[in-house]
Amino acid sequence: GVVEENAMIGIAQSHNVTLVVDVWENEPQVNCSLVPI
């Protein structure tokens, strides 16, 4: 919730940003568009 998860997905795709993520907006549910990248 400190970081917008869809924004992380966006910069990974558009700016080739490498992501490391340990915390998730809707824990214990996670964003399965974000996890694999």
Full PDB file with SEQRES, HELIX, SHEET, SSBOND, CRYST1, ORIGX, SCALE, CONECT and MASTER records, all heavy atoms in Angstrom:
SEQRES   1 A   37  GLY VAL VAL GLU GLU ASN ALA MET ILE GLY ILE ALA GLN          
SEQRES   2 A   37  SER HIS ASN VAL THR LEU VAL VAL ASP VAL TRP GLU ASN          
SEQRES   3 A   37  GLU PRO GLN VAL ASN CYS SER LEU VAL PRO ILE                  
HELIX    1 AA1 GLU A    5  SER A   14  1                                  10    
CRYST1    1.000    1.000    1.000  90.00  90.00  90.00 P 1           1          
ORIGX1      1.000000  0.000000  0.000000        0.00000                         
ORIGX2      0.000000  1.000000  0.000000        0.00000                         
ORIGX3      0.000000  0.000000  1.000000        0.00000                         
SCALE1      1.000000  0.000000  0.000000        0.00000                         
SCALE2      0.000000  1.000000  0.000000        0.00000                         
SCALE3      0.000000  0.000000  1.000000        0.00000                         
ATOM      1  N   GLY A   1       0.803  -1.215   0.000  1.00  0.00           N  
ATOM      2  CA  GLY A   1       0.000   0.000   0.000  1.00  0.00           C  
ATOM      3  C   GLY A   1       0.835   1.263   0.000  1.00  0.00           C  
ATOM      4  O   GLY A   1       0.341   2.331  -0.357  1.00  0.00           O  
ATOM      5  N   VAL A   2       2.116   1.170   0.377  1.00  0.00           N  
ATOM      6  CA  VAL A   2       3.011   2.321   0.247  1.00  0.00           C  
ATOM      7  C   VAL A   2       3.358   2.529  -1.231  1.00  0.00           C  
ATOM      8  O   VAL A   2       3.549   3.654  -1.683  1.00  0.00           O  
ATOM      9  CB  VAL A   2       4.292   2.120   1.085  1.00  0.00           C  
ATOM     10  CG1 VAL A   2       5.315   3.214   0.797  1.00  0.00           C  
ATOM     11  CG2 VAL A   2       3.945   2.110   2.571  1.00  0.00           C  
ATOM     12  N   VAL A   3       3.397   1.437  -1.982  1.00  0.00           N  
ATOM     13  CA  VAL A   3       3.692   1.487  -3.412  1.00  0.00           C  
ATOM     14  C   VAL A   3       2.500   0.934  -4.187  1.00  0.00           C  
ATOM     15  O   VAL A   3       1.916  -0.079  -3.810  1.00  0.00           O  
ATOM     16  CB  VAL A   3       4.955   0.663  -3.748  1.00  0.00           C  
ATOM     17  CG1 VAL A   3       5.288   0.794  -5.225  1.00  0.00           C  
ATOM     18  CG2 VAL A   3       6.133   1.106  -2.894  1.00  0.00           C  
ATOM     19  N   GLU A   4       2.163   1.600  -5.261  1.00  0.00           N  
ATOM     20  CA  GLU A   4       1.084   1.130  -6.131  1.00  0.00           C  
ATOM     21  C   GLU A   4       1.597  -0.051  -6.948  1.00  0.00           C  
ATOM     22  O   GLU A   4       2.533   0.082  -7.744  1.00  0.00           O  
ATOM     23  CB  GLU A   4       0.629   2.274  -7.048  1.00  0.00           C  
ATOM     24  CG  GLU A   4      -0.560   1.937  -7.916  1.00  0.00           C  
ATOM     25  CD  GLU A   4      -0.984   3.096  -8.785  1.00  0.00           C  
ATOM     26  OE1 GLU A   4      -0.457   4.222  -8.622  1.00  0.00           O  
ATOM     27  OE2 GLU A   4      -1.855   2.873  -9.648  1.00  0.00           O  
ATOM     28  N   GLU A   5       0.990  -1.200  -6.766  1.00  0.00           N  
ATOM     29  CA  GLU A   5       1.525  -2.407  -7.385  1.00  0.00           C  
ATOM     30  C   GLU A   5       1.468  -2.356  -8.905  1.00  0.00           C  
ATOM     31  O   GLU A   5       2.390  -2.807  -9.588  1.00  0.00           O  
ATOM     32  CB  GLU A   5       0.790  -3.636  -6.841  1.00  0.00           C  
ATOM     33  CG  GLU A   5       1.150  -3.922  -5.385  1.00  0.00           C  
ATOM     34  CD  GLU A   5       0.527  -5.194  -4.835  1.00  0.00           C  
ATOM     35  OE1 GLU A   5      -0.358  -5.767  -5.521  1.00  0.00           O  
ATOM     36  OE2 GLU A   5       0.930  -5.612  -3.742  1.00  0.00           O  
ATOM     37  N   ASN A   6       0.400  -1.823  -9.466  1.00  0.00           N  
ATOM     38  CA  ASN A   6       0.318  -1.738 -10.923  1.00  0.00           C  
ATOM     39  C   ASN A   6       1.384  -0.807 -11.493  1.00  0.00           C  
ATOM     40  O   ASN A   6       1.812  -0.964 -12.640  1.00  0.00           O  
ATOM     41  CB  ASN A   6      -1.073  -1.291 -11.357  1.00  0.00           C  
ATOM     42  CG  ASN A   6      -2.102  -2.396 -11.200  1.00  0.00           C  
ATOM     43  OD1 ASN A   6      -1.754  -3.578 -11.207  1.00  0.00           O  
ATOM     44  ND2 ASN A   6      -3.360  -2.031 -11.056  1.00  0.00           N  
ATOM     45  N   ALA A   7       1.809   0.172 -10.680  1.00  0.00           N  
ATOM     46  CA  ALA A   7       2.901   1.043 -11.122  1.00  0.00           C  
ATOM     47  C   ALA A   7       4.209   0.274 -11.201  1.00  0.00           C  
ATOM     48  O   ALA A   7       5.030   0.513 -12.090  1.00  0.00           O  
ATOM     49  CB  ALA A   7       3.033   2.233 -10.165  1.00  0.00           C  
ATOM     50  N   MET A   8       4.422  -0.641 -10.264  1.00  0.00           N  
ATOM     51  CA  MET A   8       5.630  -1.472 -10.327  1.00  0.00           C  
ATOM     52  C   MET A   8       5.622  -2.341 -11.584  1.00  0.00           C  
ATOM     53  O   MET A   8       6.642  -2.493 -12.259  1.00  0.00           O  
ATOM     54  CB  MET A   8       5.740  -2.342  -9.074  1.00  0.00           C  
ATOM     55  CG  MET A   8       6.226  -1.606  -7.851  1.00  0.00           C  
ATOM     56  SD  MET A   8       6.657  -2.707  -6.476  1.00  0.00           S  
ATOM     57  CE  MET A   8       5.031  -3.066  -5.809  1.00  0.00           C  
ATOM     58  N   ILE A   9       4.473  -2.913 -11.878  1.00  0.00           N  
ATOM     59  CA  ILE A   9       4.361  -3.713 -13.101  1.00  0.00           C  
ATOM     60  C   ILE A   9       4.663  -2.847 -14.309  1.00  0.00           C  
ATOM     61  O   ILE A   9       5.382  -3.254 -15.233  1.00  0.00           O  
ATOM     62  CB  ILE A   9       2.952  -4.334 -13.205  1.00  0.00           C  
ATOM     63  CG1 ILE A   9       2.729  -5.322 -12.060  1.00  0.00           C  
ATOM     64  CG2 ILE A   9       2.765  -5.013 -14.553  1.00  0.00           C  
ATOM     65  CD1 ILE A   9       1.303  -5.817 -11.939  1.00  0.00           C  
ATOM     66  N   GLY A  10       4.141  -1.612 -14.287  1.00  0.00           N  
ATOM     67  CA  GLY A  10       4.347  -0.699 -15.409  1.00  0.00           C  
ATOM     68  C   GLY A  10       5.803  -0.362 -15.644  1.00  0.00           C  
ATOM     69  O   GLY A  10       6.294  -0.391 -16.791  1.00  0.00           O  
ATOM     70  N   ILE A  11       6.561  -0.061 -14.572  1.00  0.00           N  
ATOM     71  CA  ILE A  11       7.961   0.330 -14.768  1.00  0.00           C  
ATOM     72  C   ILE A  11       8.834  -0.871 -15.117  1.00  0.00           C  
ATOM     73  O   ILE A  11       9.858  -0.726 -15.782  1.00  0.00           O  
ATOM     74  CB  ILE A  11       8.530   1.083 -13.549  1.00  0.00           C  
ATOM     75  CG1 ILE A  11       8.491   0.226 -12.279  1.00  0.00           C  
ATOM     76  CG2 ILE A  11       7.800   2.401 -13.348  1.00  0.00           C  
ATOM     77  CD1 ILE A  11       9.177   0.877 -11.078  1.00  0.00           C  
ATOM     78  N   ALA A  12       8.433  -2.044 -14.679  1.00  0.00           N  
ATOM     79  CA  ALA A  12       9.172  -3.243 -15.079  1.00  0.00           C  
ATOM     80  C   ALA A  12       9.062  -3.439 -16.586  1.00  0.00           C  
ATOM     81  O   ALA A  12      10.046  -3.812 -17.254  1.00  0.00           O  
ATOM     82  CB  ALA A  12       8.647  -4.466 -14.346  1.00  0.00           C  
ATOM     83  N   GLN A  13       7.897  -3.155 -17.130  1.00  0.00           N  
ATOM     84  CA  GLN A  13       7.661  -3.358 -18.557  1.00  0.00           C  
ATOM     85  C   GLN A  13       8.218  -2.223 -19.406  1.00  0.00           C  
ATOM     86  O   GLN A  13       8.829  -2.455 -20.448  1.00  0.00           O  
ATOM     87  CB  GLN A  13       6.159  -3.529 -18.808  1.00  0.00           C  
ATOM     88  CG  GLN A  13       5.579  -4.774 -18.158  1.00  0.00           C  
ATOM     89  CD  GLN A  13       4.067  -4.835 -18.215  1.00  0.00           C  
ATOM     90  OE1 GLN A  13       3.396  -3.810 -18.425  1.00  0.00           O  
ATOM     91  NE2 GLN A  13       3.505  -6.012 -18.015  1.00  0.00           N  
ATOM     92  N   SER A  14       8.034  -0.976 -18.951  1.00  0.00           N  
ATOM     93  CA  SER A  14       8.398   0.173 -19.785  1.00  0.00           C  
ATOM     94  C   SER A  14       9.835   0.643 -19.587  1.00  0.00           C  
ATOM     95  O   SER A  14      10.442   1.205 -20.497  1.00  0.00           O  
ATOM     96  CB  SER A  14       7.451   1.340 -19.507  1.00  0.00           C  
ATOM     97  OG  SER A  14       7.599   1.800 -18.161  1.00  0.00           O  
ATOM     98  N   HIS A  15      10.391   0.428 -18.373  1.00  0.00           N  
ATOM     99  CA  HIS A  15      11.725   0.938 -18.066  1.00  0.00           C  
ATOM    100  C   HIS A  15      12.731  -0.163 -17.720  1.00  0.00           C  
ATOM    101  O   HIS A  15      13.842   0.125 -17.291  1.00  0.00           O  
ATOM    102  CB  HIS A  15      11.654   1.920 -16.879  1.00  0.00           C  
ATOM    103  CG  HIS A  15      11.031   3.229 -17.193  1.00  0.00           C  
ATOM    104  ND1 HIS A  15       9.724   3.355 -17.639  1.00  0.00           N  
ATOM    105  CD2 HIS A  15      11.526   4.500 -17.138  1.00  0.00           C  
ATOM    106  CE1 HIS A  15       9.437   4.635 -17.812  1.00  0.00           C  
ATOM    107  NE2 HIS A  15      10.520   5.348 -17.524  1.00  0.00           N  
ATOM    108  N   ASN A  16      12.328  -1.406 -17.910  1.00  0.00           N  
ATOM    109  CA  ASN A  16      13.201  -2.543 -17.597  1.00  0.00           C  
ATOM    110  C   ASN A  16      13.739  -2.461 -16.173  1.00  0.00           C  
ATOM    111  O   ASN A  16      14.918  -2.740 -15.904  1.00  0.00           O  
ATOM    112  CB  ASN A  16      14.366  -2.623 -18.590  1.00  0.00           C  
ATOM    113  CG  ASN A  16      15.099  -3.955 -18.521  1.00  0.00           C  
ATOM    114  OD1 ASN A  16      14.486  -5.004 -18.292  1.00  0.00           O  
ATOM    115  ND2 ASN A  16      16.417  -3.936 -18.703  1.00  0.00           N  
ATOM    116  N   VAL A  17      12.866  -2.072 -15.248  1.00  0.00           N  
ATOM    117  CA  VAL A  17      13.254  -1.978 -13.842  1.00  0.00           C  
ATOM    118  C   VAL A  17      13.179  -3.368 -13.207  1.00  0.00           C  
ATOM    119  O   VAL A  17      12.194  -4.093 -13.381  1.00  0.00           O  
ATOM    120  CB  VAL A  17      12.345  -0.988 -13.088  1.00  0.00           C  
ATOM    121  CG1 VAL A  17      12.613  -1.043 -11.587  1.00  0.00           C  
ATOM    122  CG2 VAL A  17      12.558   0.424 -13.609  1.00  0.00           C  
ATOM    123  N   THR A  18      14.205  -3.735 -12.472  1.00  0.00           N  
ATOM    124  CA  THR A  18      14.227  -4.992 -11.740  1.00  0.00           C  
ATOM    125  C   THR A  18      13.505  -4.792 -10.410  1.00  0.00           C  
ATOM    126  O   THR A  18      13.761  -3.819  -9.700  1.00  0.00           O  
ATOM    127  CB  THR A  18      15.673  -5.443 -11.491  1.00  0.00           C  
ATOM    128  OG1 THR A  18      16.320  -5.642 -12.752  1.00  0.00           O  
ATOM    129  CG2 THR A  18      15.706  -6.746 -10.699  1.00  0.00           C  
ATOM    130  N   LEU A  19      12.633  -5.724 -10.057  1.00  0.00           N  
ATOM    131  CA  LEU A  19      11.795  -5.590  -8.865  1.00  0.00           C  
ATOM    132  C   LEU A  19      12.158  -6.636  -7.820  1.00  0.00           C  
ATOM    133  O   LEU A  19      12.375  -7.806  -8.136  1.00  0.00           O  
ATOM    134  CB  LEU A  19      10.318  -5.751  -9.226  1.00  0.00           C  
ATOM    135  CG  LEU A  19       9.740  -4.787 -10.262  1.00  0.00           C  
ATOM    136  CD1 LEU A  19       8.306  -5.177 -10.575  1.00  0.00           C  
ATOM    137  CD2 LEU A  19       9.806  -3.343  -9.768  1.00  0.00           C  
ATOM    138  N   VAL A  20      12.172  -6.190  -6.562  1.00  0.00           N  
ATOM    139  CA  VAL A  20      12.258  -7.072  -5.404  1.00  0.00           C  
ATOM    140  C   VAL A  20      11.104  -6.686  -4.491  1.00  0.00           C  
ATOM    141  O   VAL A  20      11.016  -5.538  -4.047  1.00  0.00           O  
ATOM    142  CB  VAL A  20      13.599  -6.922  -4.667  1.00  0.00           C  
ATOM    143  CG1 VAL A  20      13.581  -7.708  -3.365  1.00  0.00           C  
ATOM    144  CG2 VAL A  20      14.757  -7.370  -5.558  1.00  0.00           C  
ATOM    145  N   VAL A  21      10.207  -7.630  -4.204  1.00  0.00           N  
ATOM    146  CA  VAL A  21       8.995  -7.304  -3.441  1.00  0.00           C  
ATOM    147  C   VAL A  21       8.797  -8.322  -2.324  1.00  0.00           C  
ATOM    148  O   VAL A  21       8.765  -9.535  -2.565  1.00  0.00           O  
ATOM    149  CB  VAL A  21       7.750  -7.283  -4.350  1.00  0.00           C  
ATOM    150  CG1 VAL A  21       6.497  -6.960  -3.538  1.00  0.00           C  
ATOM    151  CG2 VAL A  21       7.920  -6.264  -5.477  1.00  0.00           C  
ATOM    152  N   ASP A  22       8.652  -7.803  -1.099  1.00  0.00           N  
ATOM    153  CA  ASP A  22       8.404  -8.659   0.065  1.00  0.00           C  
ATOM    154  C   ASP A  22       7.034  -8.406   0.692  1.00  0.00           C  
ATOM    155  O   ASP A  22       6.554  -9.236   1.455  1.00  0.00           O  
ATOM    156  CB  ASP A  22       9.494  -8.435   1.122  1.00  0.00           C  
ATOM    157  CG  ASP A  22       9.316  -9.295   2.359  1.00  0.00           C  
ATOM    158  OD1 ASP A  22       9.291 -10.542   2.216  1.00  0.00           O  
ATOM    159  OD2 ASP A  22       9.189  -8.741   3.464  1.00  0.00           O  
ATOM    160  N   VAL A  23       6.419  -7.264   0.385  1.00  0.00           N  
ATOM    161  CA  VAL A  23       5.142  -6.901   1.006  1.00  0.00           C  
ATOM    162  C   VAL A  23       4.105  -6.639  -0.073  1.00  0.00           C  
ATOM    163  O   VAL A  23       4.427  -6.150  -1.159  1.00  0.00           O  
ATOM    164  CB  VAL A  23       5.296  -5.668   1.925  1.00  0.00           C  
ATOM    165  CG1 VAL A  23       6.120  -6.023   3.154  1.00  0.00           C  
ATOM    166  CG2 VAL A  23       5.930  -4.495   1.181  1.00  0.00           C  
ATOM    167  N   TRP A  24       2.834  -6.941   0.254  1.00  0.00           N  
ATOM    168  CA  TRP A  24       1.782  -6.991  -0.756  1.00  0.00           C  
ATOM    169  C   TRP A  24       0.548  -6.258  -0.249  1.00  0.00           C  
ATOM    170  O   TRP A  24       0.246  -6.290   0.939  1.00  0.00           O  
ATOM    171  CB  TRP A  24       1.472  -8.453  -1.093  1.00  0.00           C  
ATOM    172  CG  TRP A  24       2.729  -9.204  -1.388  1.00  0.00           C  
ATOM    173  CD1 TRP A  24       3.571  -9.792  -0.485  1.00  0.00           C  
ATOM    174  CD2 TRP A  24       3.342  -9.371  -2.667  1.00  0.00           C  
ATOM    175  NE1 TRP A  24       4.661 -10.336  -1.130  1.00  0.00           N  
ATOM    176  CE2 TRP A  24       4.549 -10.103  -2.465  1.00  0.00           C  
ATOM    177  CE3 TRP A  24       2.982  -9.003  -3.955  1.00  0.00           C  
ATOM    178  CZ2 TRP A  24       5.394 -10.445  -3.519  1.00  0.00           C  
ATOM    179  CZ3 TRP A  24       3.822  -9.344  -5.001  1.00  0.00           C  
ATOM    180  CH2 TRP A  24       5.013 -10.062  -4.783  1.00  0.00           C  
ATOM    181  N   GLU A  25      -0.159  -5.634  -1.162  1.00  0.00           N  
ATOM    182  CA  GLU A  25      -1.287  -4.786  -0.779  1.00  0.00           C  
ATOM    183  C   GLU A  25      -2.395  -5.535  -0.056  1.00  0.00           C  
ATOM    184  O   GLU A  25      -3.005  -5.001   0.857  1.00  0.00           O  
ATOM    185  CB  GLU A  25      -1.881  -4.103  -2.025  1.00  0.00           C  
ATOM    186  CG  GLU A  25      -1.277  -2.756  -2.303  1.00  0.00           C  
ATOM    187  CD  GLU A  25      -2.058  -1.998  -3.352  1.00  0.00           C  
ATOM    188  OE1 GLU A  25      -3.208  -1.606  -3.057  1.00  0.00           O  
ATOM    189  OE2 GLU A  25      -1.528  -1.788  -4.454  1.00  0.00           O  
ATOM    190  N   ASN A  26      -2.694  -6.735  -0.474  1.00  0.00           N  
ATOM    191  CA  ASN A  26      -3.859  -7.451   0.056  1.00  0.00           C  
ATOM    192  C   ASN A  26      -3.469  -8.758   0.738  1.00  0.00           C  
ATOM    193  O   ASN A  26      -4.145  -9.769   0.594  1.00  0.00           O  
ATOM    194  CB  ASN A  26      -4.868  -7.727  -1.079  1.00  0.00           C  
ATOM    195  CG  ASN A  26      -5.372  -6.456  -1.709  1.00  0.00           C  
ATOM    196  OD1 ASN A  26      -5.936  -5.601  -1.029  1.00  0.00           O  
ATOM    197  ND2 ASN A  26      -5.163  -6.301  -3.012  1.00  0.00           N  
ATOM    198  N   GLU A  27      -2.351  -8.703   1.481  1.00  0.00           N  
ATOM    199  CA  GLU A  27      -1.919  -9.924   2.170  1.00  0.00           C  
ATOM    200  C   GLU A  27      -3.059 -10.496   3.014  1.00  0.00           C  
ATOM    201  O   GLU A  27      -3.791  -9.749   3.656  1.00  0.00           O  
ATOM    202  CB  GLU A  27      -0.728  -9.599   3.086  1.00  0.00           C  
ATOM    203  CG  GLU A  27       0.534  -9.180   2.349  1.00  0.00           C  
ATOM    204  CD  GLU A  27       1.663  -8.804   3.308  1.00  0.00           C  
ATOM    205  OE1 GLU A  27       1.563  -9.103   4.516  1.00  0.00           O  
ATOM    206  OE2 GLU A  27       2.639  -8.213   2.852  1.00  0.00           O  
ATOM    207  N   PRO A  28      -3.197 -11.835   2.977  1.00  0.00           N  
ATOM    208  CA  PRO A  28      -2.319 -12.845   2.386  1.00  0.00           C  
ATOM    209  C   PRO A  28      -2.581 -13.143   0.911  1.00  0.00           C  
ATOM    210  O   PRO A  28      -1.955 -14.039   0.361  1.00  0.00           O  
ATOM    211  CB  PRO A  28      -2.605 -14.073   3.248  1.00  0.00           C  
ATOM    212  CG  PRO A  28      -4.045 -13.927   3.620  1.00  0.00           C  
ATOM    213  CD  PRO A  28      -4.252 -12.445   3.816  1.00  0.00           C  
ATOM    214  N   GLN A  29      -3.527 -12.434   0.283  1.00  0.00           N  
ATOM    215  CA  GLN A  29      -3.657 -12.547  -1.162  1.00  0.00           C  
ATOM    216  C   GLN A  29      -2.558 -11.716  -1.814  1.00  0.00           C  
ATOM    217  O   GLN A  29      -2.136 -10.707  -1.261  1.00  0.00           O  
ATOM    218  CB  GLN A  29      -5.038 -12.058  -1.623  1.00  0.00           C  
ATOM    219  CG  GLN A  29      -6.203 -12.918  -1.144  1.00  0.00           C  
ATOM    220  CD  GLN A  29      -6.214 -14.311  -1.770  1.00  0.00           C  
ATOM    221  OE1 GLN A  29      -5.457 -14.606  -2.696  1.00  0.00           O  
ATOM    222  NE2 GLN A  29      -7.063 -15.192  -1.245  1.00  0.00           N  
ATOM    223  N   VAL A  30      -2.089 -12.144  -2.960  1.00  0.00           N  
ATOM    224  CA  VAL A  30      -1.010 -11.433  -3.639  1.00  0.00           C  
ATOM    225  C   VAL A  30      -1.391 -11.179  -5.091  1.00  0.00           C  
ATOM    226  O   VAL A  30      -2.288 -11.824  -5.639  1.00  0.00           O  
ATOM    227  CB  VAL A  30       0.319 -12.212  -3.572  1.00  0.00           C  
ATOM    228  CG1 VAL A  30       0.771 -12.404  -2.137  1.00  0.00           C  
ATOM    229  CG2 VAL A  30       0.206 -13.564  -4.285  1.00  0.00           C  
ATOM    230  N   ASN A  31      -0.697 -10.251  -5.692  1.00  0.00           N  
ATOM    231  CA  ASN A  31      -0.929  -9.860  -7.073  1.00  0.00           C  
ATOM    232  C   ASN A  31      -0.144 -10.796  -7.991  1.00  0.00           C  
ATOM    233  O   ASN A  31       1.074 -10.675  -8.116  1.00  0.00           O  
ATOM    234  CB  ASN A  31      -0.484  -8.406  -7.261  1.00  0.00           C  
ATOM    235  CG  ASN A  31      -0.826  -7.865  -8.631  1.00  0.00           C  
ATOM    236  OD1 ASN A  31      -0.957  -8.607  -9.597  1.00  0.00           O  
ATOM    237  ND2 ASN A  31      -0.947  -6.542  -8.719  1.00  0.00           N  
ATOM    238  N   CYS A  32      -0.830 -11.710  -8.629  1.00  0.00           N  
ATOM    239  CA  CYS A  32      -0.155 -12.719  -9.440  1.00  0.00           C  
ATOM    240  C   CYS A  32       0.274 -12.202 -10.811  1.00  0.00           C  
ATOM    241  O   CYS A  32       0.848 -12.953 -11.606  1.00  0.00           O  
ATOM    242  CB  CYS A  32      -1.026 -13.965  -9.571  1.00  0.00           C  
ATOM    243  SG  CYS A  32      -0.897 -15.039  -8.124  1.00  0.00           S  
ATOM    244  N   SER A  33       0.015 -10.931 -11.083  1.00  0.00           N  
ATOM    245  CA  SER A  33       0.645 -10.292 -12.243  1.00  0.00           C  
ATOM    246  C   SER A  33       2.012  -9.752 -11.869  1.00  0.00           C  
ATOM    247  O   SER A  33       2.880  -9.580 -12.726  1.00  0.00           O  
ATOM    248  CB  SER A  33      -0.238  -9.146 -12.760  1.00  0.00           C  
ATOM    249  OG  SER A  33      -1.475  -9.625 -13.228  1.00  0.00           O  
ATOM    250  N   LEU A  34       2.201  -9.492 -10.574  1.00  0.00           N  
ATOM    251  CA  LEU A  34       3.460  -8.923 -10.095  1.00  0.00           C  
ATOM    252  C   LEU A  34       4.459  -9.995  -9.678  1.00  0.00           C  
ATOM    253  O   LEU A  34       5.652  -9.877  -9.966  1.00  0.00           O  
ATOM    254  CB  LEU A  34       3.157  -7.985  -8.911  1.00  0.00           C  
ATOM    255  CG  LEU A  34       4.336  -7.325  -8.209  1.00  0.00           C  
ATOM    256  CD1 LEU A  34       5.175  -6.504  -9.183  1.00  0.00           C  
ATOM    257  CD2 LEU A  34       3.835  -6.444  -7.060  1.00  0.00           C  
ATOM    258  N   VAL A  35       3.996 -11.031  -9.020  1.00  0.00           N  
ATOM    259  CA  VAL A  35       4.906 -12.042  -8.458  1.00  0.00           C  
ATOM    260  C   VAL A  35       5.894 -12.599  -9.478  1.00  0.00           C  
ATOM    261  O   VAL A  35       7.105 -12.610  -9.236  1.00  0.00           O  
ATOM    262  CB  VAL A  35       4.108 -13.191  -7.792  1.00  0.00           C  
ATOM    263  CG1 VAL A  35       5.040 -14.327  -7.394  1.00  0.00           C  
ATOM    264  CG2 VAL A  35       3.336 -12.689  -6.591  1.00  0.00           C  
ATOM    265  N   PRO A  36       5.433 -13.069 -10.652  1.00  0.00           N  
ATOM    266  CA  PRO A  36       6.367 -13.762 -11.556  1.00  0.00           C  
ATOM    267  C   PRO A  36       7.438 -12.869 -12.160  1.00  0.00           C  
ATOM    268  O   PRO A  36       8.486 -13.375 -12.586  1.00  0.00           O  
ATOM    269  CB  PRO A  36       5.440 -14.305 -12.659  1.00  0.00           C  
ATOM    270  CG  PRO A  36       4.054 -14.201 -12.123  1.00  0.00           C  
ATOM    271  CD  PRO A  36       4.059 -13.055 -11.176  1.00  0.00           C  
ATOM    272  N   ILE A  37       7.211 -11.552 -12.208  1.00  0.00           N  
ATOM    273  CA  ILE A  37       8.180 -10.674 -12.874  1.00  0.00           C  
ATOM    274  C   ILE A  37       9.229 -10.124 -11.905  1.00  0.00           C  
ATOM    275  O   ILE A  37      10.111  -9.366 -12.306  1.00  0.00           O  
ATOM    276  CB  ILE A  37       7.477  -9.519 -13.605  1.00  0.00           C  
ATOM    277  CG1 ILE A  37       6.763  -8.592 -12.612  1.00  0.00           C  
ATOM    278  CG2 ILE A  37       6.515 -10.050 -14.649  1.00  0.00           C  
ATOM    279  CD1 ILE A  37       6.189  -7.338 -13.271  1.00  0.00           C  
TER     280      ILE A  37                                                      
MASTER        0    0    0    1    0    0    0    6  279    1    0    3          
END                                                                             
